Amino acid sequence: MVNWLKRVLGSEWEVVPAGGLTGDAYLATKDNQRLFLKRNSSPFLAVLSAEGIVPKLIWTKRMENGDVITAQEWLEGRELKPVEMQHLRVADLLRKIHQSSELLHMLMRLGKKPITSDESFDTIKKRLLQIDLHHTHEQINLALINLEKLLPITRKQKLVVCHGDLNHNNLLLTEEGNLYLIDWDNALIADPVIDYGMILNSYIPQENWHEWLNQYGIATDGHLLGRMHWYLLLDALHYLCWHKERDEGVKFVDRLHELQVLNNQIGNFSLDLFAE
């Protein structure tokens, strides 16, 4: 791959792997020019670049074998620190993404279908059944009961483009002070609480939720918290399945504890939250 990229760019370019889990990212350097190259990025990258959500897309080239190489502007910067996820500019960026009709139209043109909570509930029940986890642990049974109880309040929500993996490693702060959200491989069309619920639960003290959500543009109420916990439960169950399938016993136990915490929090919800 490195040799092919050098042929495309020219022998004067130095190309080295940029690291990462996929091994498909590279840094190309010539004099003072630097490019971030990636193999088989989604066509979605073009509209993300146009919207200023990811670093600027410079060019796209197709290889002889059908693979597509994209080149983006290389920006000096760093990932956000966990504590910096509380910054209100993160809420601003997320609001911009969730309100973008251009992103939504492009993702739908690429064949992405909106994912409803009912479909997600059916999927996790089938996955738990397939790996024989559906009646094996008290916390899993209670999680499924809570998912069913809270399901009505998750319906009829506006579905938008969601990043799907919002952690501090995927937010890039440049030396110029610009903030970008990168790594869109898990993009989906769903309830936006999937994104901001993950941030609230993982990074922001509960006493600051109201301020952060107000900056995002919504008010905190019981139904919002119920939807958030619904998707957190769903996510925890999927990770349980992931660790079970890979025989990762310690991580499996950690996720069971996470389930217990979420189930306890839901147990403290007002009863009127469960009414349709």
Protein backbone atom coordinates (compact mmCIF):
# COMPACT_ATOMS: atom_id res chain seq x y z
CA MET A 1 0.00 0.00 0.00
CA VAL A 2 2.78 2.44 0.89
CA ASN A 3 4.51 1.83 -2.46
CA TRP A 4 1.24 2.29 -4.35
CA LEU A 5 0.59 5.58 -2.57
CA LYS A 6 4.10 6.79 -3.42
CA ARG A 7 3.46 6.00 -7.08
CA VAL A 8 0.20 7.98 -7.00
CA LEU A 9 1.62 10.95 -5.11
CA GLY A 10 5.11 10.96 -6.59
CA SER A 11 8.46 9.70 -5.36
CA GLU A 12 9.16 12.98 -3.56
CA TRP A 13 6.42 12.17 -1.01
CA GLU A 14 7.25 10.23 2.14
CA VAL A 15 4.41 7.93 3.20
CA VAL A 16 4.23 6.18 6.59
CA PRO A 17 1.42 4.39 8.47
CA ALA A 18 -0.53 6.75 10.72
CA GLY A 19 -1.49 4.07 13.24
CA GLY A 20 -5.00 3.19 14.34
CA LEU A 21 -6.92 -0.05 14.65
CA THR A 22 -7.63 -0.59 10.96
CA GLY A 23 -4.12 -0.08 9.63
CA ASP A 24 -5.64 1.76 6.65
CA ALA A 25 -4.47 5.29 7.54
CA TYR A 26 -1.26 6.98 6.39
CA LEU A 27 0.61 10.26 6.70
CA ALA A 28 2.12 11.68 3.52
CA THR A 29 4.76 14.41 3.76
CA LYS A 30 6.53 16.57 1.15
CA ASP A 31 8.42 19.69 2.19
CA ASN A 32 5.89 21.60 4.29
CA GLN A 33 2.88 19.76 2.90
CA ARG A 34 1.19 17.00 4.87
CA LEU A 35 -1.83 14.87 4.04
CA PHE A 36 -3.86 12.33 6.01
CA LEU A 37 -4.62 9.38 3.72
CA LYS A 38 -7.19 6.69 4.37
CA ARG A 39 -8.37 3.67 2.42
CA ASN A 40 -12.08 3.11 1.80
CA SER A 41 -13.46 6.02 3.77
CA SER A 42 -17.18 6.46 3.34
CA PRO A 43 -18.40 8.81 0.58
CA PHE A 44 -20.05 10.53 3.55
CA LEU A 45 -16.65 12.13 4.20
CA ALA A 46 -17.22 14.69 1.44
CA VAL A 47 -20.29 16.26 3.03
CA LEU A 48 -18.72 16.07 6.50
CA SER A 49 -15.81 18.06 5.10
CA ALA A 50 -18.10 20.58 3.39
CA GLU A 51 -19.93 21.10 6.69
CA GLY A 52 -16.64 21.72 8.54
CA ILE A 53 -17.13 18.74 10.86
CA VAL A 54 -13.96 16.91 9.78
CA PRO A 55 -10.67 18.28 8.38
CA LYS A 56 -10.89 19.42 4.76
CA LEU A 57 -11.06 16.74 2.06
CA ILE A 58 -8.39 17.45 -0.58
CA TRP A 59 -8.93 14.68 -3.11
CA THR A 60 -10.28 11.17 -3.71
CA LYS A 61 -8.64 8.54 -5.94
CA ARG A 62 -9.73 5.03 -6.93
CA MET A 63 -7.14 2.21 -7.00
CA GLU A 64 -6.89 -0.52 -9.63
CA ASN A 65 -8.49 -3.04 -7.25
CA GLY A 66 -11.49 -0.79 -6.59
CA ASP A 67 -10.34 0.58 -3.23
CA VAL A 68 -10.75 4.33 -2.74
CA ILE A 69 -8.08 6.54 -1.17
CA THR A 70 -9.03 9.88 0.37
CA ALA A 71 -6.62 12.67 1.28
CA GLN A 72 -7.48 15.16 3.99
CA GLU A 73 -5.68 18.19 5.29
CA TRP A 74 -3.33 17.18 8.11
CA LEU A 75 -3.87 19.43 11.10
CA GLU A 76 -1.67 19.73 14.15
CA GLY A 77 -3.72 19.11 17.24
CA ARG A 78 -4.71 16.64 19.91
CA GLU A 79 -7.67 14.62 21.07
CA LEU A 80 -9.81 16.14 23.79
CA LYS A 81 -9.07 15.24 27.39
CA PRO A 82 -11.99 13.54 29.16
CA VAL A 83 -12.65 16.59 31.33
CA GLU A 84 -12.86 18.78 28.20
CA MET A 85 -15.95 16.88 27.03
CA GLN A 86 -17.83 19.13 29.46
CA HIS A 87 -17.02 22.17 27.32
CA LEU A 88 -20.11 23.77 25.84
CA ARG A 89 -18.50 23.91 22.39
CA VAL A 90 -18.87 20.11 22.25
CA ALA A 91 -22.61 20.64 22.68
CA ASP A 92 -22.51 23.27 19.91
CA LEU A 93 -20.77 20.91 17.49
CA LEU A 94 -23.16 18.07 18.27
CA ARG A 95 -26.19 20.33 17.76
CA LYS A 96 -24.82 21.38 14.37
CA ILE A 97 -24.46 17.73 13.34
CA HIS A 98 -27.88 16.64 14.56
CA GLN A 99 -29.63 19.59 12.89
CA SER A 100 -27.90 19.20 9.52
CA SER A 101 -30.32 18.26 6.74
CA GLU A 102 -27.36 17.93 4.34
CA LEU A 103 -25.79 15.17 6.44
CA LEU A 104 -29.12 13.38 6.76
CA HIS A 105 -29.89 13.50 3.05
CA MET A 106 -26.43 12.25 2.09
CA LEU A 107 -26.49 9.35 4.54
CA MET A 108 -29.91 8.30 3.26
CA ARG A 109 -28.65 8.53 -0.34
CA LEU A 110 -25.86 6.16 0.68
CA GLY A 111 -28.47 3.61 1.73
CA LYS A 112 -28.61 4.13 5.48
CA LYS A 113 -32.05 3.43 6.92
CA PRO A 114 -33.34 5.08 10.11
CA ILE A 115 -33.12 2.75 13.11
CA THR A 116 -36.13 2.80 15.44
CA SER A 117 -36.07 1.77 19.09
CA ASP A 118 -38.48 -1.09 18.35
CA GLU A 119 -36.04 -2.49 15.78
CA SER A 120 -33.16 -2.09 18.21
CA PHE A 121 -35.10 -3.88 20.96
CA ASP A 122 -35.87 -6.82 18.66
CA THR A 123 -32.22 -6.99 17.58
CA ILE A 124 -30.81 -7.18 21.12
CA LYS A 125 -33.36 -9.82 22.18
CA LYS A 126 -32.37 -11.99 19.21
CA ARG A 127 -28.66 -11.51 19.89
CA LEU A 128 -29.03 -12.46 23.57
CA LEU A 129 -31.03 -15.53 22.56
CA GLN A 130 -28.45 -16.61 19.97
CA ILE A 131 -25.63 -16.70 22.52
CA ASP A 132 -27.82 -18.06 25.33
CA LEU A 133 -27.70 -14.98 27.54
CA HIS A 134 -31.41 -14.20 27.66
CA HIS A 135 -32.17 -15.96 30.99
CA THR A 136 -28.77 -16.46 32.57
CA HIS A 137 -28.29 -13.38 34.77
CA GLU A 138 -30.69 -11.43 36.96
CA GLN A 139 -29.39 -8.06 35.73
CA ILE A 140 -29.87 -9.04 32.07
CA ASN A 141 -33.46 -10.10 32.77
CA LEU A 142 -34.11 -6.86 34.64
CA ALA A 143 -32.54 -4.83 31.83
CA LEU A 144 -34.90 -6.43 29.29
CA ILE A 145 -37.86 -5.69 31.56
CA ASN A 146 -36.76 -2.07 31.87
CA LEU A 147 -36.23 -1.77 28.12
CA GLU A 148 -39.77 -2.98 27.52
CA LYS A 149 -41.21 -0.64 30.18
CA LEU A 150 -39.42 2.41 28.77
CA LEU A 151 -39.94 1.51 25.11
CA PRO A 152 -43.10 3.66 24.63
CA ILE A 153 -41.28 6.91 25.51
CA THR A 154 -38.56 6.18 22.93
CA ARG A 155 -41.02 6.15 20.04
CA LYS A 156 -41.98 9.02 17.73
CA GLN A 157 -38.67 10.82 18.12
CA LYS A 158 -37.04 12.83 15.34
CA LEU A 159 -34.28 10.63 13.91
CA VAL A 160 -31.08 12.38 12.82
CA VAL A 161 -27.50 11.62 11.82
CA CYS A 162 -25.65 10.28 14.87
CA HIS A 163 -21.92 9.64 15.21
CA GLY A 164 -22.50 6.49 17.26
CA ASP A 165 -19.11 6.40 19.02
CA LEU A 166 -18.80 9.66 20.88
CA ASN A 167 -15.75 9.49 23.10
CA HIS A 168 -12.97 11.99 23.72
CA ASN A 169 -10.57 10.13 21.40
CA ASN A 170 -12.72 11.08 18.41
CA LEU A 171 -12.74 14.82 19.05
CA LEU A 172 -9.77 16.68 17.56
CA LEU A 173 -8.79 20.12 18.84
CA THR A 174 -6.36 21.85 16.47
CA GLU A 175 -3.62 24.29 17.43
CA GLU A 176 -5.76 27.01 15.81
CA GLY A 177 -8.58 26.15 18.23
CA ASN A 178 -10.91 24.42 15.78
CA LEU A 179 -12.86 21.38 16.97
CA TYR A 180 -13.56 18.40 14.70
CA LEU A 181 -15.40 15.10 15.22
CA ILE A 182 -13.58 12.30 13.38
CA ASP A 183 -13.95 8.55 12.74
CA TRP A 184 -17.44 8.28 11.28
CA ASP A 185 -17.37 4.54 10.53
CA ASN A 186 -20.31 3.92 12.91
CA ALA A 187 -22.57 6.70 11.62
CA LEU A 188 -26.29 5.94 11.78
CA ILE A 189 -29.70 7.59 11.58
CA ALA A 190 -31.33 7.36 14.99
CA ASP A 191 -32.48 9.20 18.12
CA PRO A 192 -29.86 11.88 18.90
CA VAL A 193 -29.94 10.88 22.58
CA ILE A 194 -27.63 8.04 21.49
CA ASP A 195 -24.87 10.62 21.11
CA TYR A 196 -25.42 13.10 23.89
CA GLY A 197 -26.54 10.44 26.38
CA MET A 198 -23.16 8.78 25.98
CA ILE A 199 -21.42 12.08 26.71
CA LEU A 200 -23.56 12.90 29.73
CA ASN A 201 -23.20 9.45 31.27
CA SER A 202 -19.45 9.12 30.66
CA TYR A 203 -18.03 12.61 31.08
CA ILE A 204 -20.32 15.17 32.69
CA PRO A 205 -21.24 15.41 36.39
CA GLN A 206 -25.00 15.16 36.80
CA GLU A 207 -25.23 18.61 38.37
CA ASN A 208 -23.95 20.04 35.05
CA TRP A 209 -26.34 18.16 32.76
CA HIS A 210 -28.91 20.96 32.67
CA GLU A 211 -26.37 23.58 31.56
CA TRP A 212 -24.84 21.31 28.92
CA LEU A 213 -28.21 20.26 27.51
CA ASN A 214 -29.40 23.87 27.53
CA GLN A 215 -26.40 24.77 25.37
CA TYR A 216 -27.28 21.87 23.07
CA GLY A 217 -30.80 23.23 22.85
CA ILE A 218 -33.10 20.98 24.87
CA ALA A 219 -34.55 20.93 28.36
CA THR A 220 -33.89 18.22 30.93
CA ASP A 221 -36.99 16.26 31.94
CA GLY A 222 -37.97 12.78 33.02
CA HIS A 223 -38.74 11.52 29.53
CA LEU A 224 -35.34 12.65 28.26
CA LEU A 225 -33.60 10.82 31.11
CA GLY A 226 -35.72 7.75 30.42
CA ARG A 227 -34.77 7.70 26.74
CA MET A 228 -31.13 8.22 27.63
CA HIS A 229 -31.12 5.29 30.04
CA TRP A 230 -32.95 3.14 27.49
CA TYR A 231 -30.12 3.53 25.01
CA LEU A 232 -27.43 3.17 27.67
CA LEU A 233 -29.00 -0.15 28.69
CA LEU A 234 -29.15 -1.22 25.06
CA ASP A 235 -25.50 -0.33 24.55
CA ALA A 236 -24.42 -2.18 27.70
CA LEU A 237 -26.27 -5.32 26.57
CA HIS A 238 -24.57 -5.23 23.17
CA TYR A 239 -21.18 -4.96 24.89
CA LEU A 240 -22.12 -7.90 27.13
CA CYS A 241 -22.76 -9.96 24.02
CA TRP A 242 -19.48 -8.76 22.49
CA HIS A 243 -17.46 -9.85 25.53
CA LYS A 244 -19.33 -13.15 25.83
CA GLU A 245 -18.65 -13.99 22.19
CA ARG A 246 -14.94 -13.33 22.76
CA ASP A 247 -14.79 -15.11 26.11
CA GLU A 248 -13.64 -11.93 27.88
CA GLY A 249 -14.76 -12.84 31.38
CA VAL A 250 -13.43 -9.85 33.30
CA LYS A 251 -14.93 -7.33 30.87
CA PHE A 252 -18.19 -9.29 30.92
CA VAL A 253 -18.40 -8.93 34.70
CA ASP A 254 -17.64 -5.20 34.41
CA ARG A 255 -20.57 -4.80 32.01
CA LEU A 256 -22.85 -6.72 34.37
CA HIS A 257 -21.96 -4.20 37.07
CA GLU A 258 -22.73 -1.37 34.64
CA LEU A 259 -26.11 -2.97 33.98
CA GLN A 260 -26.79 -3.12 37.71
CA VAL A 261 -26.03 0.59 38.11
CA LEU A 262 -28.33 1.50 35.20
CA ASN A 263 -31.10 -0.78 36.46
CA ASN A 264 -30.87 0.80 39.91
CA GLN A 265 -31.08 4.29 38.41
CA ILE A 266 -34.16 3.32 36.40
CA GLY A 267 -35.67 1.86 39.57
CA ASN A 268 -35.60 5.35 41.05
CA PHE A 269 -37.56 6.89 38.16
CA SER A 270 -41.03 8.26 38.84
CA LEU A 271 -43.77 5.77 37.98
CA ASP A 272 -45.51 8.24 35.65
CA LEU A 273 -42.51 7.97 33.33
CA PHE A 274 -43.71 4.52 32.29
CA ALA A 275 -47.17 5.65 31.30
CA GLU A 276 -47.88 5.94 27.58
